[in-house]
């Protein structure tokens, strides 16, 4: 499978999983009324509407901010999608697909509901992590993939780069 096709597969799977979990939890359960749901001593399902970006920064209550964040998400997804089409390795293609799929999943929420539906809360003792969703997790995994791809030598098997100079 080419890097671009692997990236597209990751994008579509991420977008589908993100929207399926959000729609299933929000419309298919009574989580909104009965939260939190304890999954494990360190994990709960809750309902949080994030009107900002990562970690709740830059909260936007008005329509202008909402649509600016949608436009920014779509622009970033388009730019990363172009990069994904040109990816020289499957790891890079999949990493970019995860990021684009996550960005699109959160953009759909913001466009339809005015905020992103977050629902996973990890905690232990006095420590509490931000509430997140499948799209957020995919974006983080994609960034990790980008870092790993940048650390791998381009001469490794299966990692021929398109931008590499042709042999003499």
Protein backbone atom coordinates (compact mmCIF):
# COMPACT_ATOMS: atom_id res chain seq x y z
CA UNK A 1 0.00 0.00 0.00
CA UNK A 2 1.37 3.40 -0.95
CA UNK A 3 2.02 6.02 1.77
CA UNK A 4 -0.82 8.18 0.43
CA UNK A 5 -3.30 5.29 0.47
CA UNK A 6 -2.22 4.28 3.98
CA UNK A 7 -2.71 7.88 5.07
CA UNK A 8 -6.14 8.04 3.47
CA UNK A 9 -7.12 4.80 5.21
CA UNK A 10 -5.95 6.22 8.56
CA UNK A 11 -7.85 9.45 7.88
CA UNK A 12 -11.12 7.66 7.05
CA UNK A 13 -10.84 5.21 9.97
CA UNK A 14 -10.07 8.03 12.40
CA UNK A 15 -12.95 10.18 11.17
CA UNK A 16 -15.38 7.24 11.27
CA UNK A 17 -14.28 6.05 14.73
CA UNK A 18 -14.37 9.58 16.12
CA UNK A 19 -17.84 10.38 14.84
CA UNK A 20 -19.21 6.93 15.71
CA UNK A 21 -18.05 7.17 19.34
CA UNK A 22 -19.34 10.72 19.74
CA UNK A 23 -22.73 10.04 18.13
CA UNK A 24 -23.10 6.71 19.91
CA UNK A 25 -22.34 8.15 23.35
CA UNK A 26 -24.27 11.37 22.95
CA UNK A 27 -27.39 10.15 21.17
CA UNK A 28 -27.32 6.42 21.96
CA UNK A 29 -26.86 6.54 25.72
CA UNK A 30 -27.96 8.52 28.75
CA UNK A 31 -24.36 9.58 29.55
CA UNK A 32 -25.41 13.24 29.61
CA UNK A 33 -27.84 12.56 32.47
CA UNK A 34 -25.95 9.87 34.39
CA UNK A 35 -22.30 10.92 34.10
CA UNK A 36 -19.65 10.17 35.11
CA UNK A 37 -19.40 6.53 34.05
CA UNK A 38 -16.52 4.81 35.79
CA UNK A 39 -14.58 2.60 33.33
CA UNK A 40 -11.63 1.91 35.62
CA UNK A 41 -10.17 3.45 38.78
CA UNK A 42 -8.28 5.86 36.49
CA UNK A 43 -10.80 6.46 33.66
CA UNK A 44 -14.30 7.91 33.38
CA UNK A 45 -16.66 8.81 30.58
CA UNK A 46 -18.06 12.33 30.97
CA UNK A 47 -19.60 14.98 28.73
CA UNK A 48 -17.57 18.12 28.13
CA UNK A 49 -18.22 20.62 25.35
CA UNK A 50 -14.92 22.22 24.36
CA UNK A 51 -15.40 25.58 22.66
CA UNK A 52 -11.67 26.12 22.34
CA UNK A 53 -8.74 24.21 20.91
CA UNK A 54 -6.42 21.72 22.55
CA UNK A 55 -6.65 21.62 26.34
CA UNK A 56 -9.54 24.10 26.22
CA UNK A 57 -7.32 27.05 25.23
CA UNK A 58 -8.74 29.98 23.26
CA UNK A 59 -12.37 29.40 24.27
CA UNK A 60 -14.79 30.85 21.67
CA UNK A 61 -18.33 31.65 22.73
CA UNK A 62 -19.42 33.60 19.66
CA UNK A 63 -20.21 32.53 16.12
CA UNK A 64 -17.21 34.36 14.66
CA UNK A 65 -14.73 32.45 16.84
CA UNK A 66 -16.51 29.17 16.17
CA UNK A 67 -16.33 29.56 12.38
CA UNK A 68 -12.75 30.85 12.50
CA UNK A 69 -11.77 27.65 14.32
CA UNK A 70 -13.67 25.56 11.75
CA UNK A 71 -11.89 27.40 8.92
CA UNK A 72 -8.51 26.99 10.61
CA UNK A 73 -9.14 23.26 11.08
CA UNK A 74 -10.14 22.83 7.45
CA UNK A 75 -7.15 24.83 6.19
CA UNK A 76 -4.76 22.80 8.34
CA UNK A 77 -6.40 19.56 7.19
CA UNK A 78 -6.06 20.61 3.54
CA UNK A 79 -2.39 21.55 3.91
CA UNK A 80 -1.58 18.34 5.78
CA UNK A 81 -3.59 16.38 3.20
CA UNK A 82 -1.34 17.72 0.44
CA UNK A 83 1.70 16.69 2.49
CA UNK A 84 0.11 13.26 3.03
CA UNK A 85 -0.31 12.76 -0.73
CA UNK A 86 3.41 13.43 -1.13
CA UNK A 87 4.54 11.32 1.84
CA UNK A 88 7.61 9.21 1.18
CA UNK A 89 6.95 6.60 3.86
CA UNK A 90 3.91 4.74 5.16
CA UNK A 91 4.64 5.93 8.68
CA UNK A 92 4.53 9.55 7.53
CA UNK A 93 1.37 8.94 5.50
CA UNK A 94 -0.42 7.27 8.41
CA UNK A 95 0.75 9.92 10.90
CA UNK A 96 -0.60 12.70 8.68
CA UNK A 97 -3.81 10.74 8.07
CA UNK A 98 -4.37 10.46 11.82
CA UNK A 99 -3.89 14.20 12.27
CA UNK A 100 -6.13 15.13 9.33
CA UNK A 101 -8.84 12.67 10.40
CA UNK A 102 -8.76 14.06 13.93
CA UNK A 103 -8.86 17.66 12.74
CA UNK A 104 -11.82 16.91 10.48
CA UNK A 105 -13.65 15.02 13.24
CA UNK A 106 -13.36 17.96 15.61
CA UNK A 107 -14.25 20.43 12.83
CA UNK A 108 -17.47 18.50 12.17
CA UNK A 109 -18.41 18.83 15.86
CA UNK A 110 -17.61 22.51 15.92
CA UNK A 111 -19.60 23.18 12.72
CA UNK A 112 -22.64 21.12 13.76
CA UNK A 113 -22.79 21.73 17.53
CA UNK A 114 -20.69 24.86 18.07
CA UNK A 115 -18.23 22.93 20.26
CA UNK A 116 -16.23 19.71 20.31
CA UNK A 117 -17.68 16.77 22.26
CA UNK A 118 -14.99 15.40 24.60
CA UNK A 119 -15.71 12.41 26.81
CA UNK A 120 -12.64 10.49 28.08
CA UNK A 121 -11.29 11.61 31.45
CA UNK A 122 -8.11 10.00 32.78
CA UNK A 123 -7.08 10.54 36.40
CA UNK A 124 -5.13 8.93 39.23
CA UNK A 125 -4.93 10.05 42.83
CA UNK A 126 -4.81 13.84 42.74
CA UNK A 127 -3.74 13.91 39.09
CA UNK A 128 -6.30 14.69 36.40
CA UNK A 129 -5.76 14.84 32.64
CA UNK A 130 -7.81 16.93 30.27
CA UNK A 131 -10.98 15.40 28.87
CA UNK A 132 -10.45 14.26 25.27
CA UNK A 133 -11.98 12.23 22.43
CA UNK A 134 -10.89 9.83 19.67
CA UNK A 135 -9.94 12.70 17.34
CA UNK A 136 -7.68 14.22 20.00
CA UNK A 137 -6.00 10.87 20.66
CA UNK A 138 -5.46 10.37 16.91
CA UNK A 139 -3.89 13.81 16.58
CA UNK A 140 -1.47 13.04 19.42
CA UNK A 141 -0.64 9.63 17.91
CA UNK A 142 -0.08 11.33 14.55
CA UNK A 143 2.32 13.85 16.06
CA UNK A 144 4.23 10.98 17.70
CA UNK A 145 4.35 9.33 14.26
CA UNK A 146 5.74 12.53 12.73
CA UNK A 147 8.49 12.65 15.34
CA UNK A 148 9.34 8.98 14.82
CA UNK A 149 9.37 9.42 11.04
CA UNK A 150 11.77 12.35 11.37
CA UNK A 151 14.13 10.23 13.49
CA UNK A 152 14.27 7.24 11.16
CA UNK A 153 16.98 7.26 8.52
CA UNK A 154 15.60 7.76 5.02
CA UNK A 155 17.76 4.88 3.77
CA UNK A 156 15.90 2.29 5.86
CA UNK A 157 14.10 -0.41 3.82
CA UNK A 158 10.74 0.83 2.53
CA UNK A 159 11.57 4.44 3.36
CA UNK A 160 12.74 5.79 0.03
CA UNK A 161 11.90 9.47 -0.09
CA UNK A 162 10.40 11.13 -3.14
CA UNK A 163 12.59 14.15 -2.59
CA UNK A 164 15.80 12.12 -2.47
CA UNK A 165 18.28 12.76 -5.27
CA UNK A 166 18.30 10.04 -7.94
CA UNK A 167 21.37 7.78 -8.02
CA UNK A 168 24.12 8.78 -10.44
